[in-house]
Amino acid sequence: MYPTIRKKIDEESSSNGASGKYPSVGLVIGATGIVGMSLVEILPLPDTPEGPWKVVG
């Protein structure tokens, strides 16, 4: 996994705690490809359907 993705996930995890900030969780398989990277960037946005998503890749 790219270091920037890992850092972002770690920051969100530490700041989120168990507050339930994310209504949905998505596991992105192949997060290093073009489509996977797009999903990792788009899903956490508040305007995505059923979002924002907590993304794990």
PDB file of N, CA and C in Angstrom:
ATOM      1  N   MET A   1       0.852  -1.180   0.000  1.00  0.00           N
ATOM      2  CA  MET A   1       0.000   0.000   0.000  1.00  0.00           C
ATOM      3  C   MET A   1       0.893   1.237   0.000  1.00  0.00           C
ATOM      4  N   TYR A   2       0.465   2.249  -0.735  1.00  0.00           N
ATOM      5  CA  TYR A   2       1.233   3.478  -0.788  1.00  0.00           C
ATOM      6  C   TYR A   2       1.295   4.117   0.607  1.00  0.00           C
ATOM      7  N   PRO A   3       2.442   4.706   0.963  1.00  0.00           N
ATOM      8  CA  PRO A   3       2.568   5.324   2.287  1.00  0.00           C
ATOM      9  C   PRO A   3       1.541   6.422   2.536  1.00  0.00           C
ATOM     10  N   THR A   4       1.167   7.181   1.499  1.00  0.00           N
ATOM     11  CA  THR A   4       0.191   8.254   1.714  1.00  0.00           C
ATOM     12  C   THR A   4      -1.182   7.705   2.060  1.00  0.00           C
ATOM     13  N   ILE A   5      -1.532   6.575   1.446  1.00  0.00           N
ATOM     14  CA  ILE A   5      -2.822   5.951   1.763  1.00  0.00           C
ATOM     15  C   ILE A   5      -2.804   5.429   3.190  1.00  0.00           C
ATOM     16  N   ARG A   6      -1.720   4.729   3.561  1.00  0.00           N
ATOM     17  CA  ARG A   6      -1.606   4.183   4.913  1.00  0.00           C
ATOM     18  C   ARG A   6      -1.663   5.314   5.933  1.00  0.00           C
ATOM     19  N   LYS A   7      -0.964   6.431   5.671  1.00  0.00           N
ATOM     20  CA  LYS A   7      -0.963   7.555   6.593  1.00  0.00           C
ATOM     21  C   LYS A   7      -2.366   8.122   6.752  1.00  0.00           C
ATOM     22  N   LYS A   8      -3.090   8.280   5.631  1.00  0.00           N
ATOM     23  CA  LYS A   8      -4.441   8.830   5.689  1.00  0.00           C
ATOM     24  C   LYS A   8      -5.377   7.908   6.469  1.00  0.00           C
ATOM     25  N   ILE A   9      -5.262   6.604   6.220  1.00  0.00           N
ATOM     26  CA  ILE A   9      -6.103   5.637   6.933  1.00  0.00           C
ATOM     27  C   ILE A   9      -5.792   5.669   8.420  1.00  0.00           C
ATOM     28  N   ASP A  10      -4.497   5.715   8.767  1.00  0.00           N
ATOM     29  CA  ASP A  10      -4.105   5.756  10.174  1.00  0.00           C
ATOM     30  C   ASP A  10      -4.597   7.025  10.850  1.00  0.00           C
ATOM     31  N   GLU A  11      -4.502   8.171  10.154  1.00  0.00           N
ATOM     32  CA  GLU A  11      -4.973   9.431  10.723  1.00  0.00           C
ATOM     33  C   GLU A  11      -6.481   9.388  10.961  1.00  0.00           C
ATOM     34  N   GLU A  12      -7.226   8.864  10.005  1.00  0.00           N
ATOM     35  CA  GLU A  12      -8.675   8.786  10.150  1.00  0.00           C
ATOM     36  C   GLU A  12      -9.058   7.815  11.260  1.00  0.00           C
ATOM     37  N   SER A  13      -8.323   6.723  11.379  1.00  0.00           N
ATOM     38  CA  SER A  13      -8.604   5.740  12.418  1.00  0.00           C
ATOM     39  C   SER A  13      -8.352   6.319  13.797  1.00  0.00           C
ATOM     40  N   SER A  14      -7.241   7.044  13.944  1.00  0.00           N
ATOM     41  CA  SER A  14      -6.902   7.588  15.253  1.00  0.00           C
ATOM     42  C   SER A  14      -7.829   8.738  15.636  1.00  0.00           C
ATOM     43  N   SER A  15      -8.226   9.539  14.664  1.00  0.00           N
ATOM     44  CA  SER A  15      -9.115  10.651  14.981  1.00  0.00           C
ATOM     45  C   SER A  15     -10.561  10.203  15.126  1.00  0.00           C
ATOM     46  N   ASN A  16     -10.923   9.117  14.481  1.00  0.00           N
ATOM     47  CA  ASN A  16     -12.301   8.633  14.504  1.00  0.00           C
ATOM     48  C   ASN A  16     -12.616   7.912  15.803  1.00  0.00           C
ATOM     49  N   GLY A  17     -11.694   7.071  16.251  1.00  0.00           N
ATOM     50  CA  GLY A  17     -11.965   6.271  17.432  1.00  0.00           C
ATOM     51  C   GLY A  17     -13.136   5.348  17.185  1.00  0.00           C
ATOM     52  N   ALA A  18     -14.071   5.281  18.109  1.00  0.00           N
ATOM     53  CA  ALA A  18     -15.244   4.427  17.960  1.00  0.00           C
ATOM     54  C   ALA A  18     -16.508   5.263  17.861  1.00  0.00           C
ATOM     55  N   SER A  19     -16.380   6.469  17.332  1.00  0.00           N
ATOM     56  CA  SER A  19     -17.511   7.394  17.320  1.00  0.00           C
ATOM     57  C   SER A  19     -18.567   7.052  16.280  1.00  0.00           C
ATOM     58  N   GLY A  20     -18.243   6.158  15.319  1.00  0.00           N
ATOM     59  CA  GLY A  20     -19.223   5.803  14.300  1.00  0.00           C
ATOM     60  C   GLY A  20     -19.412   6.896  13.272  1.00  0.00           C
ATOM     61  N   LYS A  21     -18.358   7.592  12.919  1.00  0.00           N
ATOM     62  CA  LYS A  21     -18.431   8.698  11.969  1.00  0.00           C
ATOM     63  C   LYS A  21     -18.822   8.234  10.578  1.00  0.00           C
ATOM     64  N   TYR A  22     -18.454   7.017  10.216  1.00  0.00           N
ATOM     65  CA  TYR A  22     -18.701   6.506   8.872  1.00  0.00           C
ATOM     66  C   TYR A  22     -19.884   5.545   8.878  1.00  0.00           C
ATOM     67  N   PRO A  23     -20.910   5.812   8.054  1.00  0.00           N
ATOM     68  CA  PRO A  23     -22.049   4.904   7.998  1.00  0.00           C
ATOM     69  C   PRO A  23     -21.749   3.635   7.210  1.00  0.00           C
ATOM     70  N   SER A  24     -20.729   3.659   6.345  1.00  0.00           N
ATOM     71  CA  SER A  24     -20.405   2.509   5.498  1.00  0.00           C
ATOM     72  C   SER A  24     -18.904   2.276   5.501  1.00  0.00           C
ATOM     73  N   VAL A  25     -18.527   1.004   5.320  1.00  0.00           N
ATOM     74  CA  VAL A  25     -17.114   0.631   5.265  1.00  0.00           C
ATOM     75  C   VAL A  25     -16.886  -0.114   3.963  1.00  0.00           C
ATOM     76  N   GLY A  26     -15.810   0.232   3.250  1.00  0.00           N
ATOM     77  CA  GLY A  26     -15.493  -0.433   1.990  1.00  0.00           C
ATOM     78  C   GLY A  26     -14.082  -0.986   2.012  1.00  0.00           C
ATOM     79  N   LEU A  27     -13.908  -2.215   1.557  1.00  0.00           N
ATOM     80  CA  LEU A  27     -12.598  -2.818   1.403  1.00  0.00           C
ATOM     81  C   LEU A  27     -12.271  -2.791  -0.082  1.00  0.00           C
ATOM     82  N   VAL A  28     -11.205  -2.089  -0.443  1.00  0.00           N
ATOM     83  CA  VAL A  28     -10.812  -1.967  -1.844  1.00  0.00           C
ATOM     84  C   VAL A  28      -9.678  -2.946  -2.105  1.00  0.00           C
ATOM     85  N   ILE A  29      -9.956  -3.963  -2.915  1.00  0.00           N
ATOM     86  CA  ILE A  29      -8.934  -4.924  -3.317  1.00  0.00           C
ATOM     87  C   ILE A  29      -8.286  -4.382  -4.591  1.00  0.00           C
ATOM     88  N   GLY A  30      -6.977  -4.308  -4.593  1.00  0.00           N
ATOM     89  CA  GLY A  30      -6.278  -3.749  -5.751  1.00  0.00           C
ATOM     90  C   GLY A  30      -6.205  -2.241  -5.682  1.00  0.00           C
ATOM     91  N   ALA A  31      -5.966  -1.713  -4.487  1.00  0.00           N
ATOM     92  CA  ALA A  31      -5.952  -0.262  -4.290  1.00  0.00           C
ATOM     93  C   ALA A  31      -4.751   0.412  -4.944  1.00  0.00           C
ATOM     94  N   THR A  32      -3.822  -0.361  -5.509  1.00  0.00           N
ATOM     95  CA  THR A  32      -2.667   0.243  -6.160  1.00  0.00           C
ATOM     96  C   THR A  32      -2.900   0.468  -7.648  1.00  0.00           C
ATOM     97  N   GLY A  33      -3.971  -0.058  -8.219  1.00  0.00           N
ATOM     98  CA  GLY A  33      -4.288   0.155  -9.632  1.00  0.00           C
ATOM     99  C   GLY A  33      -5.025   1.464  -9.837  1.00  0.00           C
ATOM    100  N   ILE A  34      -5.286   1.788 -11.081  1.00  0.00           N
ATOM    101  CA  ILE A  34      -5.947   3.054 -11.408  1.00  0.00           C
ATOM    102  C   ILE A  34      -7.363   3.110 -10.835  1.00  0.00           C
ATOM    103  N   VAL A  35      -8.125   2.059 -11.039  1.00  0.00           N
ATOM    104  CA  VAL A  35      -9.504   2.039 -10.547  1.00  0.00           C
ATOM    105  C   VAL A  35      -9.528   2.004  -9.024  1.00  0.00           C
ATOM    106  N   GLY A  36      -8.665   1.190  -8.431  1.00  0.00           N
ATOM    107  CA  GLY A  36      -8.607   1.102  -6.973  1.00  0.00           C
ATOM    108  C   GLY A  36      -8.244   2.428  -6.334  1.00  0.00           C
ATOM    109  N   MET A  37      -7.257   3.116  -6.908  1.00  0.00           N
ATOM    110  CA  MET A  37      -6.865   4.426  -6.375  1.00  0.00           C
ATOM    111  C   MET A  37      -8.010   5.430  -6.505  1.00  0.00           C
ATOM    112  N   SER A  38      -8.746   5.351  -7.589  1.00  0.00           N
ATOM    113  CA  SER A  38      -9.893   6.249  -7.765  1.00  0.00           C
ATOM    114  C   SER A  38     -10.942   5.997  -6.691  1.00  0.00           C
ATOM    115  N   LEU A  39     -11.218   4.727  -6.418  1.00  0.00           N
ATOM    116  CA  LEU A  39     -12.189   4.393  -5.369  1.00  0.00           C
ATOM    117  C   LEU A  39     -11.720   4.874  -3.999  1.00  0.00           C
ATOM    118  N   VAL A  40     -10.432   4.690  -3.715  1.00  0.00           N
ATOM    119  CA  VAL A  40      -9.881   5.120  -2.428  1.00  0.00           C
ATOM    120  C   VAL A  40     -10.027   6.632  -2.263  1.00  0.00           C
ATOM    121  N   GLU A  41      -9.892   7.384  -3.346  1.00  0.00           N
ATOM    122  CA  GLU A  41     -10.014   8.841  -3.279  1.00  0.00           C
ATOM    123  C   GLU A  41     -11.467   9.310  -3.231  1.00  0.00           C
ATOM    124  N   ILE A  42     -12.356   8.621  -3.938  1.00  0.00           N
ATOM    125  CA  ILE A  42     -13.735   9.092  -4.086  1.00  0.00           C
ATOM    126  C   ILE A  42     -14.642   8.667  -2.929  1.00  0.00           C
ATOM    127  N   LEU A  43     -14.521   7.443  -2.455  1.00  0.00           N
ATOM    128  CA  LEU A  43     -15.465   6.932  -1.458  1.00  0.00           C
ATOM    129  C   LEU A  43     -15.521   7.733  -0.150  1.00  0.00           C
ATOM    130  N   PRO A  44     -14.413   8.267   0.363  1.00  0.00           N
ATOM    131  CA  PRO A  44     -14.510   9.032   1.620  1.00  0.00           C
ATOM    132  C   PRO A  44     -15.207  10.389   1.500  1.00  0.00           C
ATOM    133  N   LEU A  45     -15.491  10.845   0.294  1.00  0.00           N
ATOM    134  CA  LEU A  45     -16.128  12.150   0.119  1.00  0.00           C
ATOM    135  C   LEU A  45     -17.568  12.115   0.627  1.00  0.00           C
ATOM    136  N   PRO A  46     -18.040  13.215   1.212  1.00  0.00           N
ATOM    137  CA  PRO A  46     -19.389  13.226   1.788  1.00  0.00           C
ATOM    138  C   PRO A  46     -20.516  13.145   0.765  1.00  0.00           C
ATOM    139  N   ASP A  47     -20.246  13.427  -0.517  1.00  0.00           N
ATOM    140  CA  ASP A  47     -21.317  13.411  -1.510  1.00  0.00           C
ATOM    141  C   ASP A  47     -21.433  12.075  -2.257  1.00  0.00           C
ATOM    142  N   THR A  48     -20.716  11.039  -1.834  1.00  0.00           N
ATOM    143  CA  THR A  48     -20.868   9.719  -2.454  1.00  0.00           C
ATOM    144  C   THR A  48     -22.116   9.040  -1.893  1.00  0.00           C
ATOM    145  N   PRO A  49     -22.777   8.200  -2.692  1.00  0.00           N
ATOM    146  CA  PRO A  49     -23.971   7.506  -2.201  1.00  0.00           C
ATOM    147  C   PRO A  49     -23.665   6.696  -0.938  1.00  0.00           C
ATOM    148  N   GLU A  50     -24.520   6.852   0.055  1.00  0.00           N
ATOM    149  CA  GLU A  50     -24.373   6.191   1.358  1.00  0.00           C
ATOM    150  C   GLU A  50     -23.092   6.584   2.054  1.00  0.00           C
ATOM    151  N   GLY A  51     -22.473   7.696   1.669  1.00  0.00           N
ATOM    152  CA  GLY A  51     -21.171   8.090   2.204  1.00  0.00           C
ATOM    153  C   GLY A  51     -21.270   9.073   3.325  1.00  0.00           C
ATOM    154  N   PRO A  52     -20.173   9.440   3.910  1.00  0.00           N
ATOM    155  CA  PRO A  52     -18.820   9.070   3.514  1.00  0.00           C
ATOM    156  C   PRO A  52     -18.493   7.637   3.931  1.00  0.00           C
ATOM    157  N   TRP A  53     -17.607   7.020   3.174  1.00  0.00           N
ATOM    158  CA  TRP A  53     -17.205   5.650   3.432  1.00  0.00           C
ATOM    159  C   TRP A  53     -15.867   5.621   4.157  1.00  0.00           C
ATOM    160  N   LYS A  54     -15.721   4.690   5.060  1.00  0.00           N
ATOM    161  CA  LYS A  54     -14.419   4.371   5.646  1.00  0.00           C
ATOM    162  C   LYS A  54     -13.786   3.385   4.698  1.00  0.00           C
ATOM    163  N   VAL A  55     -12.637   3.726   4.128  1.00  0.00           N
ATOM    164  CA  VAL A  55     -12.006   2.893   3.104  1.00  0.00           C
ATOM    165  C   VAL A  55     -10.792   2.190   3.678  1.00  0.00           C
ATOM    166  N   VAL A  56     -10.734   0.887   3.447  1.00  0.00           N
ATOM    167  CA  VAL A  56      -9.596   0.079   3.840  1.00  0.00           C
ATOM    168  C   VAL A  56      -9.090  -0.612   2.587  1.00  0.00           C
ATOM    169  N   GLY A  57      -7.794  -0.533   2.324  1.00  0.00           N
ATOM    170  CA  GLY A  57      -7.268  -1.140   1.103  1.00  0.00           C
ATOM    171  C   GLY A  57      -5.946  -1.815   1.316  1.00  0.00           C
TER     172      GLY A  57
END
